[in-house]
Amino acid sequence: MKNKVSDVRDHLVAMLERLGDDNLSADEMNQVIERAKTTTMVATTYIGAVKVELDAIRLMDETGKLATAVGAPQQAPALTQGRP
């Protein structure tokens, strides 16, 4: 995993696809379900941390101040052309 939200999304979609596989035995499906539960917990924690970082960046943009517990954000590349 490359530590990006898009990678988490891709992993979750792959897990959903695996859960929909009708060719799995009952034992295999139970293993997939347990793995999906664990993946969900980890992904939820990761996404929550990303939200906190985004809130910190917004606060810095609004106030010019950043809590000392939060590292300075890195410059992200522009998402679309013509947008800074």
Protein backbone atom coordinates (compact mmCIF):
# COMPACT_ATOMS: atom_id res chain seq x y z
CA MET A 1 0.00 0.00 0.00
CA LYS A 2 1.25 3.48 -0.83
CA ASN A 3 -0.35 5.25 2.14
CA LYS A 4 -2.88 7.20 0.07
CA VAL A 5 -6.63 7.38 0.56
CA SER A 6 -7.10 6.16 -3.01
CA ASP A 7 -5.16 2.99 -2.11
CA VAL A 8 -7.43 2.41 0.89
CA ARG A 9 -10.47 2.85 -1.37
CA ASP A 10 -9.07 0.41 -3.93
CA HIS A 11 -8.37 -2.15 -1.22
CA LEU A 12 -11.90 -1.83 0.19
CA VAL A 13 -13.46 -2.25 -3.25
CA ALA A 14 -11.35 -5.36 -3.84
CA MET A 15 -12.56 -6.70 -0.49
CA LEU A 16 -16.18 -6.07 -1.52
CA GLU A 17 -15.59 -7.94 -4.75
CA ARG A 18 -14.14 -10.87 -2.83
CA LEU A 19 -17.16 -10.90 -0.51
CA GLY A 20 -19.39 -11.19 -3.58
CA ASP A 21 -17.56 -14.24 -4.94
CA ASP A 22 -20.15 -17.03 -5.16
CA ASN A 23 -17.46 -19.66 -5.80
CA LEU A 24 -16.01 -19.57 -2.27
CA SER A 25 -16.59 -22.42 0.14
CA ALA A 26 -18.22 -21.66 3.49
CA ASP A 27 -14.82 -21.84 5.22
CA GLU A 28 -13.20 -19.52 2.67
CA MET A 29 -16.11 -17.08 2.98
CA ASN A 30 -15.74 -17.05 6.78
CA GLN A 31 -12.05 -16.21 6.38
CA VAL A 32 -12.87 -13.44 3.90
CA ILE A 33 -15.50 -12.03 6.26
CA GLU A 34 -13.07 -11.97 9.20
CA ARG A 35 -10.43 -10.29 7.04
CA ALA A 36 -13.01 -7.76 5.82
CA LYS A 37 -13.91 -6.91 9.42
CA THR A 38 -10.26 -6.33 10.29
CA THR A 39 -9.68 -4.33 7.11
CA THR A 40 -12.70 -2.17 7.92
CA MET A 41 -11.38 -1.37 11.39
CA VAL A 42 -7.95 -0.42 10.07
CA ALA A 43 -9.38 1.61 7.17
CA THR A 44 -11.74 3.46 9.52
CA THR A 45 -8.84 4.42 11.76
CA TYR A 46 -6.73 5.53 8.79
CA ILE A 47 -9.51 7.61 7.28
CA GLY A 48 -10.17 9.22 10.68
CA ALA A 49 -6.51 10.21 10.91
CA VAL A 50 -6.63 11.72 7.42
CA LYS A 51 -9.71 13.75 8.42
CA VAL A 52 -7.83 15.12 11.44
CA GLU A 53 -4.94 16.12 9.19
CA LEU A 54 -7.30 17.88 6.79
CA ASP A 55 -8.95 19.72 9.69
CA ALA A 56 -5.50 20.84 10.87
CA ILE A 57 -4.64 22.09 7.38
CA ARG A 58 -7.93 24.01 7.19
CA LEU A 59 -7.23 25.56 10.59
CA MET A 60 -3.78 26.62 9.42
CA ASP A 61 -5.28 28.14 6.26
CA GLU A 62 -7.85 30.06 8.32
CA THR A 63 -5.68 31.19 11.23
CA GLY A 64 -2.09 30.85 10.07
CA LYS A 65 -1.44 28.75 13.18
CA LEU A 66 -0.93 25.04 13.55
CA ALA A 67 -0.93 22.95 16.71
CA THR A 68 2.57 21.84 17.65
CA ALA A 69 1.41 18.21 17.70
CA VAL A 70 0.68 18.39 13.98
CA GLY A 71 3.51 18.48 11.48
CA ALA A 72 3.47 21.09 8.75
CA PRO A 73 1.52 19.90 5.70
CA GLN A 74 3.37 19.07 2.53
CA GLN A 75 2.49 20.81 -0.70
CA ALA A 76 0.12 18.57 -2.66
CA PRO A 77 0.14 18.57 -6.46
CA ALA A 78 -2.78 20.25 -8.19
CA LEU A 79 -5.69 17.88 -8.72
CA THR A 80 -6.95 19.41 -11.96
CA GLN A 81 -5.48 21.66 -14.60
CA GLY A 82 -5.95 25.35 -14.06
CA ARG A 83 -6.33 24.89 -10.32
CA PRO A 84 -3.50 25.90 -7.96
